[in-house]
C-alpha atoms as a PDB file:
ATOM      1  CA  UNK A   1       0.000   0.000   0.000  1.00  0.00           C
ATOM      2  CA  UNK A   2       1.516   3.258  -1.121  1.00  0.00           C
ATOM      3  CA  UNK A   3       0.436   6.600   0.234  1.00  0.00           C
ATOM      4  CA  UNK A   4      -0.126   9.479  -2.113  1.00  0.00           C
ATOM      5  CA  UNK A   5       1.474  12.675  -0.800  1.00  0.00           C
ATOM      6  CA  UNK A   6      -0.667  15.810  -0.859  1.00  0.00           C
ATOM      7  CA  UNK A   7       0.329  19.433  -0.303  1.00  0.00           C
ATOM      8  CA  UNK A   8      -2.760  20.104   1.834  1.00  0.00           C
ATOM      9  CA  UNK A   9      -4.356  18.477   4.870  1.00  0.00           C
ATOM     10  CA  UNK A  10      -7.738  18.494   6.560  1.00  0.00           C
ATOM     11  CA  UNK A  11      -8.277  21.769   8.421  1.00  0.00           C
ATOM     12  CA  UNK A  12      -5.969  23.872   6.214  1.00  0.00           C
ATOM     13  CA  UNK A  13      -7.128  27.222   4.854  1.00  0.00           C
ATOM     14  CA  UNK A  14      -6.874  27.214   1.046  1.00  0.00           C
ATOM     15  CA  UNK A  15      -7.618  29.456  -1.919  1.00  0.00           C
ATOM     16  CA  UNK A  16      -9.007  28.191  -5.227  1.00  0.00           C
ATOM     17  CA  UNK A  17      -6.617  29.257  -7.999  1.00  0.00           C
ATOM     18  CA  UNK A  18      -8.321  27.888 -11.122  1.00  0.00           C
ATOM     19  CA  UNK A  19     -11.592  26.493 -12.382  1.00  0.00           C
ATOM     20  CA  UNK A  20     -15.141  27.757 -11.983  1.00  0.00           C
ATOM     21  CA  UNK A  21     -14.611  28.708  -8.341  1.00  0.00           C
ATOM     22  CA  UNK A  22     -11.269  30.569  -8.589  1.00  0.00           C
ATOM     23  CA  UNK A  23     -10.822  33.396  -6.130  1.00  0.00           C
ATOM     24  CA  UNK A  24     -12.871  31.795  -3.373  1.00  0.00           C
ATOM     25  CA  UNK A  25     -11.342  30.353  -0.235  1.00  0.00           C
ATOM     26  CA  UNK A  26     -12.296  28.088   2.631  1.00  0.00           C
ATOM     27  CA  UNK A  27     -11.261  25.361   5.027  1.00  0.00           C
ATOM     28  CA  UNK A  28     -10.604  21.809   3.829  1.00  0.00           C
ATOM     29  CA  UNK A  29     -13.208  19.384   5.169  1.00  0.00           C
ATOM     30  CA  UNK A  30     -11.809  16.168   3.652  1.00  0.00           C
ATOM     31  CA  UNK A  31      -8.948  14.986   1.431  1.00  0.00           C
ATOM     32  CA  UNK A  32      -9.229  12.021  -0.958  1.00  0.00           C
ATOM     33  CA  UNK A  33      -5.609  11.349  -2.026  1.00  0.00           C
ATOM     34  CA  UNK A  34      -6.432   8.314  -4.175  1.00  0.00           C
ATOM     35  CA  UNK A  35      -8.766  10.381  -6.336  1.00  0.00           C
ATOM     36  CA  UNK A  36      -6.664  13.576  -5.960  1.00  0.00           C
ATOM     37  CA  UNK A  37      -9.684  15.539  -4.761  1.00  0.00           C
ATOM     38  CA  UNK A  38     -10.549  17.737  -1.782  1.00  0.00           C
ATOM     39  CA  UNK A  39     -13.742  19.062  -0.196  1.00  0.00           C
ATOM     40  CA  UNK A  40     -13.527  22.796   0.546  1.00  0.00           C
ATOM     41  CA  UNK A  41     -16.048  24.457   2.843  1.00  0.00           C
ATOM     42  CA  UNK A  42     -18.516  26.631   0.914  1.00  0.00           C
ATOM     43  CA  UNK A  43     -17.083  25.786  -2.534  1.00  0.00           C
ATOM     44  CA  UNK A  44     -18.915  23.824  -5.260  1.00  0.00           C
ATOM     45  CA  UNK A  45     -22.231  23.450  -3.477  1.00  0.00           C
ATOM     46  CA  UNK A  46     -24.230  20.641  -5.131  1.00  0.00           C
ATOM     47  CA  UNK A  47     -27.789  19.463  -4.529  1.00  0.00           C
ATOM     48  CA  UNK A  48     -28.210  15.849  -3.443  1.00  0.00           C
ATOM     49  CA  UNK A  49     -31.668  14.267  -3.656  1.00  0.00           C
ATOM     50  CA  UNK A  50     -32.380  12.084  -0.625  1.00  0.00           C
ATOM     51  CA  UNK A  51     -35.053   9.391  -0.704  1.00  0.00           C
ATOM     52  CA  UNK A  52     -37.687   8.873   1.953  1.00  0.00           C
ATOM     53  CA  UNK A  53     -36.446   7.371   5.207  1.00  0.00           C
ATOM     54  CA  UNK A  54     -37.101   7.553   8.945  1.00  0.00           C
ATOM     55  CA  UNK A  55     -34.916  10.655   9.180  1.00  0.00           C
ATOM     56  CA  UNK A  56     -36.585  12.286   6.155  1.00  0.00           C
ATOM     57  CA  UNK A  57     -40.196  11.037   5.973  1.00  0.00           C
ATOM     58  CA  UNK A  58     -40.951  13.112   2.890  1.00  0.00           C
ATOM     59  CA  UNK A  59     -37.448  13.059   1.379  1.00  0.00           C
ATOM     60  CA  UNK A  60     -35.499  16.233   0.741  1.00  0.00           C
ATOM     61  CA  UNK A  61     -32.952  17.995  -1.404  1.00  0.00           C
ATOM     62  CA  UNK A  62     -29.783  18.528   0.621  1.00  0.00           C
ATOM     63  CA  UNK A  63     -27.041  20.981  -0.311  1.00  0.00           C
ATOM     64  CA  UNK A  64     -23.457  19.880   0.318  1.00  0.00           C
ATOM     65  CA  UNK A  65     -19.944  20.536  -0.895  1.00  0.00           C
ATOM     66  CA  UNK A  66     -18.679  18.654  -3.927  1.00  0.00           C
ATOM     67  CA  UNK A  67     -15.063  17.603  -4.477  1.00  0.00           C
ATOM     68  CA  UNK A  68     -12.635  19.636  -6.606  1.00  0.00           C
ATOM     69  CA  UNK A  69      -9.236  18.618  -7.953  1.00  0.00           C
ATOM     70  CA  UNK A  70      -6.334  19.052  -5.561  1.00  0.00           C
ATOM     71  CA  UNK A  71      -4.245  20.913  -8.147  1.00  0.00           C
ATOM     72  CA  UNK A  72      -6.772  23.763  -8.141  1.00  0.00           C
ATOM     73  CA  UNK A  73      -6.124  24.727  -4.511  1.00  0.00           C
ATOM     74  CA  UNK A  74      -3.295  26.770  -2.982  1.00  0.00           C
ATOM     75  CA  UNK A  75      -2.386  26.558   0.680  1.00  0.00           C
ATOM     76  CA  UNK A  76      -2.836  29.851   2.560  1.00  0.00           C
ATOM     77  CA  UNK A  77      -2.698  28.866   6.219  1.00  0.00           C
ATOM     78  CA  UNK A  78      -1.950  25.613   8.048  1.00  0.00           C
ATOM     79  CA  UNK A  79      -3.448  25.248  11.538  1.00  0.00           C
ATOM     80  CA  UNK A  80      -3.509  29.019  12.215  1.00  0.00           C
ATOM     81  CA  UNK A  81       0.108  29.448  11.036  1.00  0.00           C
ATOM     82  CA  UNK A  82       0.568  31.389   7.778  1.00  0.00           C
ATOM     83  CA  UNK A  83       2.565  29.602   5.102  1.00  0.00           C
ATOM     84  CA  UNK A  84       5.727  31.342   3.937  1.00  0.00           C
ATOM     85  CA  UNK A  85       5.226  30.562   0.232  1.00  0.00           C
ATOM     86  CA  UNK A  86       1.739  32.092   0.260  1.00  0.00           C
ATOM     87  CA  UNK A  87       3.051  35.653   0.706  1.00  0.00           C
ATOM     88  CA  UNK A  88       2.700  37.847  -2.336  1.00  0.00           C
ATOM     89  CA  UNK A  89       5.833  38.502  -4.341  1.00  0.00           C
ATOM     90  CA  UNK A  90       5.156  42.241  -4.425  1.00  0.00           C
ATOM     91  CA  UNK A  91       5.716  42.440  -0.671  1.00  0.00           C
ATOM     92  CA  UNK A  92       9.054  40.661  -1.050  1.00  0.00           C
ATOM     93  CA  UNK A  93      10.119  43.106  -3.767  1.00  0.00           C
ATOM     94  CA  UNK A  94       9.222  46.080  -1.561  1.00  0.00           C
ATOM     95  CA  UNK A  95      11.295  44.677   1.309  1.00  0.00           C
ATOM     96  CA  UNK A  96      14.364  44.327  -0.923  1.00  0.00           C
ATOM     97  CA  UNK A  97      14.089  47.885  -2.250  1.00  0.00           C
END
């Protein structure tokens, strides 16, 4: 069994850098390394139809997050510690000047 290494973990704060949801950000709820996908809080909300059951006697349409590809996310903050590579390059240029 080989583990697939990912650049993000559950609980990290990420920004979406490409795709339909670029520019938005949120916390990672789950990581699926085998499929190379992540669930980001508040991003790609999909509607899931649930059939009748004891919990839902009349059935319902539930909204939940859908997975997006792991290459479309950029790490901003890991466990309340900002990531060094996430700083903008313009700030670095101003410091050098």
